[in-house]
Amino acid sequence: MSMVKALMNITSAENVLQEILEWLARVAHALAPPLLRLALAVPFFKSGLTKWEGFLSLSPAAVFLFEDEFKLHVFGQSYDFPLPTAVAFLDGVAEIVLPVLLVIGLATRFSALGILIMTAVIQLVVPEGWANFHLPWAALAVAIIALGPGTLSLDHLIDTLRRPRITPGGT
């Protein structure tokens, strides 16, 4: 009789463990997307803040970097950025707008794609940064693209409001 009781206790413990694991999965499923979005947004937003002196006024340092310091390293050669002031402006805008969109979860997959493209360009400028920075950023961006914005996002809210409501009467 004690063997049957022991087996019942094991089965009960397995059920409790399974319920705990399912609860953890539900919590992680809700928290992972916003945490991924935040983790990717922070370094780009911080970098973006350094590019501006005021509203739509690039800092001289940002322009200098794209004109004189940043070079594209392709096939063993280094090349100047074409239209460096325009590129600096676009970079500065993207480094502010895309992280904000990520954090609020609006146009999430497109924002992550934009940051993934920026990461690829940054890799061409700073090839030695791939292991410490570019690979983790790319992994975060790809994860966000794959998983989507999650339930804690404006994208999810908009999608929920956009769907037709089905009432019990069928109308």
N, C-alpha and C. Protein backbone atom coordinates (compact mmCIF):
# COMPACT_ATOMS: atom_id res chain seq x y z
N MET A 1 0.82 -1.19 0.00
CA MET A 1 0.00 0.00 0.00
C MET A 1 0.87 1.26 0.00
N SER A 2 1.98 1.23 0.70
CA SER A 2 2.85 2.40 0.75
C SER A 2 3.48 2.68 -0.61
N MET A 3 3.68 1.65 -1.44
CA MET A 3 4.23 1.83 -2.79
C MET A 3 3.23 2.60 -3.65
N VAL A 4 1.97 2.28 -3.54
CA VAL A 4 0.92 2.99 -4.30
C VAL A 4 0.86 4.44 -3.85
N LYS A 5 0.96 4.66 -2.56
CA LYS A 5 0.93 6.01 -2.01
C LYS A 5 2.13 6.82 -2.51
N ALA A 6 3.28 6.18 -2.54
CA ALA A 6 4.49 6.85 -3.01
C ALA A 6 4.36 7.22 -4.48
N LEU A 7 3.80 6.31 -5.29
CA LEU A 7 3.59 6.61 -6.70
C LEU A 7 2.59 7.75 -6.89
N MET A 8 1.57 7.79 -6.06
CA MET A 8 0.58 8.87 -6.14
C MET A 8 1.23 10.21 -5.78
N ASN A 9 2.13 10.19 -4.76
CA ASN A 9 2.83 11.41 -4.38
C ASN A 9 3.75 11.89 -5.50
N ILE A 10 4.41 10.96 -6.18
CA ILE A 10 5.29 11.31 -7.30
C ILE A 10 4.47 11.93 -8.42
N THR A 11 3.34 11.30 -8.73
CA THR A 11 2.46 11.82 -9.77
C THR A 11 1.95 13.20 -9.40
N SER A 12 1.59 13.39 -8.15
CA SER A 12 1.11 14.69 -7.68
C SER A 12 2.23 15.73 -7.79
N ALA A 13 3.44 15.36 -7.40
CA ALA A 13 4.58 16.28 -7.49
C ALA A 13 4.87 16.62 -8.95
N GLU A 14 4.77 15.61 -9.83
CA GLU A 14 4.97 15.87 -11.26
C GLU A 14 3.93 16.85 -11.80
N ASN A 15 2.69 16.71 -11.36
CA ASN A 15 1.62 17.62 -11.79
C ASN A 15 1.89 19.04 -11.31
N VAL A 16 2.32 19.18 -10.07
CA VAL A 16 2.63 20.50 -9.52
C VAL A 16 3.79 21.11 -10.30
N LEU A 17 4.82 20.31 -10.55
CA LEU A 17 5.97 20.78 -11.32
C LEU A 17 5.54 21.20 -12.72
N GLN A 18 4.70 20.42 -13.35
CA GLN A 18 4.21 20.75 -14.69
C GLN A 18 3.42 22.07 -14.67
N GLU A 19 2.59 22.26 -13.66
CA GLU A 19 1.84 23.52 -13.55
C GLU A 19 2.77 24.71 -13.35
N ILE A 20 3.81 24.54 -12.55
CA ILE A 20 4.78 25.61 -12.33
C ILE A 20 5.49 25.94 -13.63
N LEU A 21 5.91 24.91 -14.36
CA LEU A 21 6.61 25.14 -15.63
C LEU A 21 5.70 25.83 -16.65
N GLU A 22 4.43 25.44 -16.69
CA GLU A 22 3.49 26.09 -17.61
C GLU A 22 3.26 27.55 -17.22
N TRP A 23 3.19 27.83 -15.93
CA TRP A 23 3.03 29.21 -15.46
C TRP A 23 4.27 30.03 -15.83
N LEU A 24 5.47 29.46 -15.62
CA LEU A 24 6.70 30.16 -15.99
C LEU A 24 6.73 30.45 -17.49
N ALA A 25 6.30 29.51 -18.29
CA ALA A 25 6.28 29.71 -19.74
C ALA A 25 5.33 30.84 -20.12
N ARG A 26 4.15 30.90 -19.48
CA ARG A 26 3.19 31.98 -19.78
C ARG A 26 3.76 33.34 -19.39
N VAL A 27 4.39 33.41 -18.22
CA VAL A 27 4.99 34.67 -17.77
C VAL A 27 6.12 35.08 -18.71
N ALA A 28 6.99 34.15 -19.05
CA ALA A 28 8.11 34.45 -19.95
C ALA A 28 7.61 34.85 -21.33
N HIS A 29 6.55 34.20 -21.79
CA HIS A 29 5.98 34.53 -23.10
C HIS A 29 5.47 35.98 -23.12
N ALA A 30 4.94 36.44 -22.00
CA ALA A 30 4.46 37.82 -21.92
C ALA A 30 5.61 38.81 -21.74
N LEU A 31 6.63 38.44 -20.96
CA LEU A 31 7.70 39.38 -20.63
C LEU A 31 8.85 39.41 -21.65
N ALA A 32 9.09 38.31 -22.34
CA ALA A 32 10.25 38.25 -23.25
C ALA A 32 10.21 39.32 -24.34
N PRO A 33 9.11 39.49 -25.09
CA PRO A 33 9.14 40.49 -26.16
C PRO A 33 9.44 41.91 -25.69
N PRO A 34 8.77 42.42 -24.63
CA PRO A 34 9.13 43.79 -24.23
C PRO A 34 10.56 43.91 -23.69
N LEU A 35 11.05 42.87 -23.03
CA LEU A 35 12.43 42.92 -22.54
C LEU A 35 13.42 42.89 -23.70
N LEU A 36 13.15 42.06 -24.71
CA LEU A 36 14.01 42.05 -25.90
C LEU A 36 13.99 43.41 -26.59
N ARG A 37 12.79 44.00 -26.71
CA ARG A 37 12.67 45.31 -27.37
C ARG A 37 13.46 46.36 -26.60
N LEU A 38 13.35 46.35 -25.28
CA LEU A 38 14.06 47.33 -24.45
C LEU A 38 15.57 47.13 -24.54
N ALA A 39 16.01 45.88 -24.47
CA ALA A 39 17.45 45.59 -24.53
C ALA A 39 18.06 46.06 -25.84
N LEU A 40 17.32 45.94 -26.93
CA LEU A 40 17.84 46.41 -28.22
C LEU A 40 17.73 47.93 -28.35
N ALA A 41 16.71 48.51 -27.79
CA ALA A 41 16.47 49.95 -27.94
C ALA A 41 17.49 50.80 -27.19
N VAL A 42 17.85 50.39 -26.00
CA VAL A 42 18.67 51.25 -25.12
C VAL A 42 19.99 51.70 -25.75
N PRO A 43 20.84 50.79 -26.26
CA PRO A 43 22.13 51.28 -26.78
C PRO A 43 21.97 52.18 -28.00
N PHE A 44 20.98 51.92 -28.83
CA PHE A 44 20.78 52.75 -30.01
C PHE A 44 20.24 54.13 -29.61
N PHE A 45 19.31 54.16 -28.67
CA PHE A 45 18.76 55.45 -28.22
C PHE A 45 19.85 56.30 -27.57
N LYS A 46 20.67 55.67 -26.70
CA LYS A 46 21.76 56.40 -26.06
C LYS A 46 22.72 56.98 -27.10
N SER A 47 23.04 56.19 -28.12
CA SER A 47 23.90 56.67 -29.19
C SER A 47 23.23 57.80 -29.96
N GLY A 48 21.95 57.67 -30.20
CA GLY A 48 21.20 58.71 -30.92
C GLY A 48 21.20 60.04 -30.18
N LEU A 49 21.12 59.99 -28.87
CA LEU A 49 21.12 61.24 -28.09
C LEU A 49 22.40 62.03 -28.29
N THR A 50 23.51 61.34 -28.56
CA THR A 50 24.78 62.04 -28.74
C THR A 50 24.89 62.72 -30.10
N LYS A 51 23.99 62.44 -31.00
CA LYS A 51 24.07 62.97 -32.37
C LYS A 51 23.41 64.34 -32.53
N TRP A 52 22.71 64.81 -31.52
CA TRP A 52 21.89 66.03 -31.67
C TRP A 52 22.30 67.11 -30.70
N GLU A 53 22.20 68.37 -31.19
CA GLU A 53 22.39 69.55 -30.33
C GLU A 53 21.06 70.17 -29.95
N GLY A 54 20.06 69.91 -30.72
CA GLY A 54 18.72 70.42 -30.49
C GLY A 54 17.79 69.73 -31.47
N PHE A 55 16.56 70.21 -31.53
CA PHE A 55 15.58 69.58 -32.40
C PHE A 55 16.03 69.66 -33.86
N LEU A 56 16.26 68.51 -34.46
CA LEU A 56 16.69 68.35 -35.85
C LEU A 56 17.98 69.13 -36.17
N SER A 57 18.80 69.37 -35.15
CA SER A 57 20.07 70.05 -35.34
C SER A 57 21.19 69.08 -34.96
N LEU A 58 21.85 68.54 -35.99
CA LEU A 58 22.94 67.59 -35.75
C LEU A 58 24.09 68.25 -35.01
N SER A 59 24.72 67.49 -34.15
CA SER A 59 25.90 68.01 -33.47
C SER A 59 27.07 68.00 -34.46
N PRO A 60 27.98 68.96 -34.34
CA PRO A 60 29.16 68.96 -35.22
C PRO A 60 29.96 67.66 -35.10
N ALA A 61 29.97 67.06 -33.91
CA ALA A 61 30.71 65.81 -33.71
C ALA A 61 30.12 64.69 -34.57
N ALA A 62 28.80 64.64 -34.68
CA ALA A 62 28.16 63.59 -35.49
C ALA A 62 28.54 63.76 -36.96
N VAL A 63 28.50 64.98 -37.43
CA VAL A 63 28.86 65.25 -38.83
C VAL A 63 30.34 64.91 -39.04
N PHE A 64 31.19 65.31 -38.11
CA PHE A 64 32.62 65.02 -38.21
C PHE A 64 32.87 63.51 -38.31
N LEU A 65 32.18 62.74 -37.47
CA LEU A 65 32.39 61.29 -37.49
C LEU A 65 32.10 60.71 -38.87
N PHE A 66 30.98 61.11 -39.46
CA PHE A 66 30.61 60.54 -40.76
C PHE A 66 31.45 61.12 -41.91
N GLU A 67 31.95 62.33 -41.74
CA GLU A 67 32.79 62.92 -42.79
C GLU A 67 34.23 62.41 -42.73
N ASP A 68 34.79 62.31 -41.51
CA ASP A 68 36.22 62.07 -41.39
C ASP A 68 36.63 60.78 -40.70
N GLU A 69 35.84 60.29 -39.78
CA GLU A 69 36.26 59.14 -38.97
C GLU A 69 35.70 57.81 -39.47
N PHE A 70 34.40 57.75 -39.70
CA PHE A 70 33.77 56.50 -40.08
C PHE A 70 34.09 56.15 -41.52
N LYS A 71 34.53 54.93 -41.72
CA LYS A 71 34.82 54.41 -43.06
C LYS A 71 34.13 53.05 -43.19
N LEU A 72 33.67 52.75 -44.39
CA LEU A 72 33.08 51.46 -44.68
C LEU A 72 34.21 50.50 -45.08
N HIS A 73 34.33 49.39 -44.39
CA HIS A 73 35.37 48.40 -44.66
C HIS A 73 34.74 47.26 -45.45
N VAL A 74 35.05 47.23 -46.75
CA VAL A 74 34.46 46.23 -47.64
C VAL A 74 35.58 45.63 -48.50
N PHE A 75 35.66 44.31 -48.51
CA PHE A 75 36.63 43.58 -49.32
C PHE A 75 38.06 44.09 -49.13
N GLY A 76 38.44 44.33 -47.87
CA GLY A 76 39.80 44.73 -47.57
C GLY A 76 40.12 46.19 -47.84
N GLN A 77 39.17 46.96 -48.29
CA GLN A 77 39.37 48.38 -48.57
C GLN A 77 38.49 49.21 -47.64
N SER A 78 38.86 50.47 -47.43
CA SER A 78 37.98 51.35 -46.67
C SER A 78 37.50 52.48 -47.58
N TYR A 79 36.23 52.80 -47.44
CA TYR A 79 35.59 53.80 -48.29
C TYR A 79 34.90 54.84 -47.44
N ASP A 80 34.89 56.09 -47.94
CA ASP A 80 34.15 57.15 -47.27
C ASP A 80 32.65 56.91 -47.43
N PHE A 81 31.88 57.43 -46.47
CA PHE A 81 30.43 57.38 -46.60
C PHE A 81 30.00 58.33 -47.71
N PRO A 82 29.10 57.91 -48.59
CA PRO A 82 28.55 58.86 -49.55
C PRO A 82 27.61 59.81 -48.81
N LEU A 83 27.60 61.06 -49.19
CA LEU A 83 26.74 62.07 -48.57
C LEU A 83 26.77 61.98 -47.04
N PRO A 84 27.94 62.21 -46.44
CA PRO A 84 28.10 61.96 -45.00
C PRO A 84 27.15 62.75 -44.11
N THR A 85 26.84 63.99 -44.47
CA THR A 85 25.92 64.77 -43.63
C THR A 85 24.52 64.18 -43.67
N ALA A 86 24.09 63.78 -44.85
CA ALA A 86 22.76 63.15 -44.98
C ALA A 86 22.73 61.82 -44.24
N VAL A 87 23.80 61.05 -44.35
CA VAL A 87 23.86 59.76 -43.65
C VAL A 87 23.85 59.99 -42.14
N ALA A 88 24.60 60.98 -41.67
CA ALA A 88 24.63 61.31 -40.24
C ALA A 88 23.24 61.70 -39.76
N PHE A 89 22.52 62.48 -40.57
CA PHE A 89 21.17 62.90 -40.20
C PHE A 89 20.24 61.69 -40.14
N LEU A 90 20.28 60.85 -41.17
CA LEU A 90 19.42 59.65 -41.18
C LEU A 90 19.74 58.73 -40.02
N ASP A 91 21.03 58.56 -39.73
CA ASP A 91 21.44 57.73 -38.61
C ASP A 91 20.92 58.31 -37.30
N GLY A 92 21.08 59.61 -37.12
CA GLY A 92 20.61 60.25 -35.90
C GLY A 92 19.10 60.12 -35.71
N VAL A 93 18.35 60.29 -36.79
CA VAL A 93 16.89 60.13 -36.71
C VAL A 93 16.55 58.68 -36.38
N ALA A 94 17.18 57.74 -37.10
CA ALA A 94 16.88 56.32 -36.89
C ALA A 94 17.23 55.88 -35.47
N GLU A 95 18.32 56.40 -34.91
CA GLU A 95 18.74 56.00 -33.57
C GLU A 95 17.82 56.55 -32.48
N ILE A 96 16.99 57.51 -32.81
CA ILE A 96 16.00 58.00 -31.85
C ILE A 96 14.63 57.36 -32.12
N VAL A 97 14.20 57.40 -33.37
CA VAL A 97 12.84 56.95 -33.71
C VAL A 97 12.68 55.43 -33.55
N LEU A 98 13.59 54.66 -34.10
CA LEU A 98 13.43 53.20 -34.05
C LEU A 98 13.42 52.65 -32.62
N PRO A 99 14.31 53.10 -31.72
CA PRO A 99 14.21 52.61 -30.34
C PRO A 99 12.91 53.01 -29.64
N VAL A 100 12.42 54.22 -29.90
CA VAL A 100 11.14 54.63 -29.30
C VAL A 100 10.03 53.72 -29.79
N LEU A 101 10.00 53.45 -31.10
CA LEU A 101 8.99 52.55 -31.65
C LEU A 101 9.11 51.15 -31.04
N LEU A 102 10.33 50.68 -30.86
CA LEU A 102 10.52 49.37 -30.24
C LEU A 102 9.98 49.33 -28.82
N VAL A 103 10.30 50.33 -28.03
CA VAL A 103 9.89 50.33 -26.63
C VAL A 103 8.37 50.34 -26.51
N ILE A 104 7.69 51.13 -27.32
CA ILE A 104 6.23 51.17 -27.22
C ILE A 104 5.58 50.03 -28.01
N GLY A 105 6.37 49.32 -28.80
CA GLY A 105 5.83 48.19 -29.54
C GLY A 105 4.97 48.60 -30.72
N LEU A 106 5.41 49.60 -31.46
CA LEU A 106 4.67 50.07 -32.63
C LEU A 106 5.55 49.87 -33.87
N ALA A 107 4.99 49.24 -34.89
CA ALA A 107 5.77 48.88 -36.09
C ALA A 107 7.00 48.10 -35.65
N THR A 108 6.80 47.19 -34.74
CA THR A 108 7.88 46.52 -34.03
C THR A 108 8.81 45.75 -34.96
N ARG A 109 8.24 44.92 -35.82
CA ARG A 109 9.10 44.11 -36.69
C ARG A 109 9.87 44.99 -37.67
N PHE A 110 9.24 46.03 -38.20
CA PHE A 110 9.94 46.94 -39.12
C PHE A 110 11.04 47.72 -38.38
N SER A 111 10.76 48.11 -37.14
CA SER A 111 11.77 48.82 -36.34
C SER A 111 12.96 47.91 -36.06
N ALA A 112 12.70 46.66 -35.71
CA ALA A 112 13.79 45.71 -35.47
C ALA A 112 14.57 45.47 -36.76
N LEU A 113 13.88 45.39 -37.89
CA LEU A 113 14.57 45.23 -39.18
C LEU A 113 15.46 46.44 -39.46
N GLY A 114 14.96 47.64 -39.19
CA GLY A 114 15.77 48.85 -39.38
C GLY A 114 17.03 48.81 -38.53
N ILE A 115 16.90 48.38 -37.29
CA ILE A 115 18.08 48.30 -36.41
C ILE A 115 19.00 47.17 -36.86
N LEU A 116 18.45 46.09 -37.38
CA LEU A 116 19.28 45.02 -37.92
C LEU A 116 20.11 45.52 -39.10
N ILE A 117 19.50 46.31 -39.97
CA ILE A 117 20.22 46.89 -41.11
C ILE A 117 21.29 47.86 -40.60
N MET A 118 20.94 48.69 -39.62
CA MET A 118 21.94 49.60 -39.04
C MET A 118 23.11 48.81 -38.44
N THR A 119 22.80 47.70 -37.78
CA THR A 119 23.85 46.87 -37.19
C THR A 119 24.78 46.32 -38.26
N ALA A 120 24.20 45.94 -39.40
CA ALA A 120 25.04 45.45 -40.50
C ALA A 120 25.97 46.54 -41.01
N VAL A 121 25.47 47.77 -41.11
CA VAL A 121 26.32 48.89 -41.55
C VAL A 121 27.38 49.18 -40.49
N ILE A 122 27.00 49.16 -39.23
CA ILE A 122 27.96 49.38 -38.15
C ILE A 122 29.06 48.32 -38.21
N GLN A 123 28.69 47.08 -38.54
CA GLN A 123 29.67 46.01 -38.67
C GLN A 123 30.69 46.35 -39.76
N LEU A 124 30.23 46.99 -40.83
CA LEU A 124 31.15 47.39 -41.90
C LEU A 124 32.07 48.53 -41.47
N VAL A 125 31.61 49.34 -40.53
CA VAL A 125 32.41 50.47 -40.04
C VAL A 125 33.37 50.02 -38.95
N VAL A 126 32.91 49.18 -38.05
CA VAL A 126 33.72 48.72 -36.92
C VAL A 126 33.73 47.18 -36.93
N PRO A 127 34.50 46.57 -37.82
CA PRO A 127 34.46 45.11 -37.96
C PRO A 127 34.85 44.34 -36.71
N GLU A 128 35.69 44.93 -35.87
CA GLU A 128 36.14 44.22 -34.68
C GLU A 128 35.08 44.19 -33.57
N GLY A 129 33.96 44.87 -33.76
CA GLY A 129 32.92 44.90 -32.73
C GLY A 129 31.89 43.81 -32.83
N TRP A 130 32.11 42.84 -33.71
CA TRP A 130 31.07 41.85 -33.98
C TRP A 130 30.73 40.98 -32.76
N ALA A 131 31.70 40.54 -32.00
CA ALA A 131 31.42 39.59 -30.92
C ALA A 131 30.77 40.25 -29.72
N ASN A 132 31.23 41.44 -29.35
CA ASN A 132 30.74 42.09 -28.14
C ASN A 132 29.47 42.91 -28.35
N PHE A 133 29.25 43.39 -29.56
CA PHE A 133 28.12 44.28 -29.78
C PHE A 133 27.23 43.83 -30.92
N HIS A 134 27.78 43.69 -32.09
CA HIS A 134 26.96 43.49 -33.29
C HIS A 134 26.22 42.17 -33.29
N LEU A 135 26.86 41.10 -32.86
CA LEU A 135 26.19 39.80 -32.81
C LEU A 135 25.02 39.81 -31.82
N PRO A 136 25.21 40.30 -30.59
CA PRO A 136 24.05 40.37 -29.69
C PRO A 136 22.93 41.27 -30.22
N TRP A 137 23.28 42.42 -30.81
CA TRP A 137 22.24 43.30 -31.37
C TRP A 137 21.49 42.60 -32.49
N ALA A 138 22.24 41.92 -33.37
CA ALA A 138 21.59 41.21 -34.48
C ALA A 138 20.70 40.10 -33.94
N ALA A 139 21.17 39.37 -32.93
CA ALA A 139 20.37 38.29 -32.35
C ALA A 139 19.08 38.85 -31.73
N LEU A 140 19.17 39.96 -31.02
CA LEU A 140 17.98 40.58 -30.45
C LEU A 140 17.00 41.00 -31.54
N ALA A 141 17.53 41.64 -32.59
CA ALA A 141 16.66 42.10 -33.68
C ALA A 141 15.97 40.92 -34.36
N VAL A 142 16.71 39.86 -34.64
CA VAL A 142 16.12 38.68 -35.29
C VAL A 142 15.09 38.03 -34.37
N ALA A 143 15.37 37.97 -33.08
CA ALA A 143 14.40 37.40 -32.13
C ALA A 143 13.11 38.21 -32.12
N ILE A 144 13.22 39.53 -32.14
CA ILE A 144 12.04 40.39 -32.15
C ILE A 144 11.25 40.19 -33.45
N ILE A 145 11.97 40.12 -34.57
CA ILE A 145 11.29 39.89 -35.85
C ILE A 145 10.57 38.54 -35.81
N ALA A 146 11.21 37.52 -35.26
CA ALA A 146 10.62 36.18 -35.22
C ALA A 146 9.45 36.09 -34.25
N LEU A 147 9.60 36.64 -33.05
CA LEU A 147 8.57 36.51 -32.02
C LEU A 147 7.45 37.53 -32.16
N GLY A 148 7.75 38.66 -32.78
CA GLY A 148 6.76 39.73 -32.88
C GLY A 148 6.77 40.60 -31.64
N PRO A 149 5.85 41.53 -31.58
CA PRO A 149 5.86 42.53 -30.51
C PRO A 149 5.40 42.01 -29.16
N GLY A 150 4.66 40.94 -29.12
CA GLY A 150 4.12 40.43 -27.86
C GLY A 150 2.83 41.13 -27.48
N THR A 151 2.24 40.65 -26.41
CA THR A 151 0.94 41.19 -25.98
C THR A 151 1.06 42.56 -25.33
N LEU A 152 2.21 42.89 -24.78
CA LEU A 152 2.41 44.19 -24.13
C LEU A 152 2.99 45.18 -25.14
N SER A 153 2.19 45.50 -26.16
CA SER A 153 2.66 46.39 -27.22
C SER A 153 1.49 47.11 -27.87
N LEU A 154 1.79 48.24 -28.50
CA LEU A 154 0.75 48.95 -29.25
C LEU A 154 0.34 48.16 -30.49
N ASP A 155 1.27 47.45 -31.10
CA ASP A 155 0.92 46.61 -32.24
C ASP A 155 -0.18 45.61 -31.87
N HIS A 156 -0.02 44.97 -30.71
CA HIS A 156 -1.02 44.00 -30.26
C HIS A 156 -2.36 44.68 -29.98
N LEU A 157 -2.30 45.84 -29.33
CA LEU A 157 -3.53 46.58 -29.04
C LEU A 157 -4.24 46.98 -30.34
N ILE A 158 -3.51 47.50 -31.28
CA ILE A 158 -4.10 47.90 -32.57
C ILE A 158 -4.69 46.69 -33.28
N ASP A 159 -3.96 45.58 -33.26
CA ASP A 159 -4.46 44.36 -33.90
C ASP A 159 -5.74 43.88 -33.22
N THR A 160 -5.79 43.95 -31.91
CA THR A 160 -6.98 43.54 -31.16
C THR A 160 -8.17 44.43 -31.50
N LEU A 161 -7.95 45.74 -31.58
CA LEU A 161 -9.04 46.68 -31.89
C LEU A 161 -9.49 46.57 -33.34
N ARG A 162 -8.60 46.16 -34.21
CA ARG A 162 -8.89 46.04 -35.63
C ARG A 162 -9.72 44.81 -35.97
N ARG A 163 -9.58 43.76 -35.19
CA ARG A 163 -10.30 42.52 -35.45
C ARG A 163 -11.79 42.71 -35.24
N PRO A 164 -12.60 42.11 -36.12
CA PRO A 164 -14.04 42.21 -35.92
C PRO A 164 -14.45 41.44 -34.66
N ARG A 165 -15.39 42.01 -33.95
CA ARG A 165 -15.87 41.37 -32.73
C ARG A 165 -16.99 40.40 -33.09
N ILE A 166 -16.88 39.21 -32.53
CA ILE A 166 -17.92 38.20 -32.76
C ILE A 166 -18.77 38.13 -31.47
N THR A 167 -20.03 38.40 -31.63
CA THR A 167 -20.93 38.36 -30.47
C THR A 167 -21.66 37.01 -30.45
N PRO A 168 -22.20 36.64 -29.33
CA PRO A 168 -22.87 35.35 -29.22
C PRO A 168 -24.02 35.19 -30.25
N GLY A 169 -24.64 36.28 -30.67
CA GLY A 169 -25.73 36.21 -31.65
C GLY A 169 -25.24 36.06 -33.07
N GLY A 170 -23.92 36.12 -33.28
CA GLY A 170 -23.36 35.94 -34.61
C GLY A 170 -23.23 37.24 -35.40
N THR A 171 -23.45 38.38 -34.79
CA THR A 171 -23.32 39.66 -35.51
C THR A 171 -22.13 40.43 -35.04
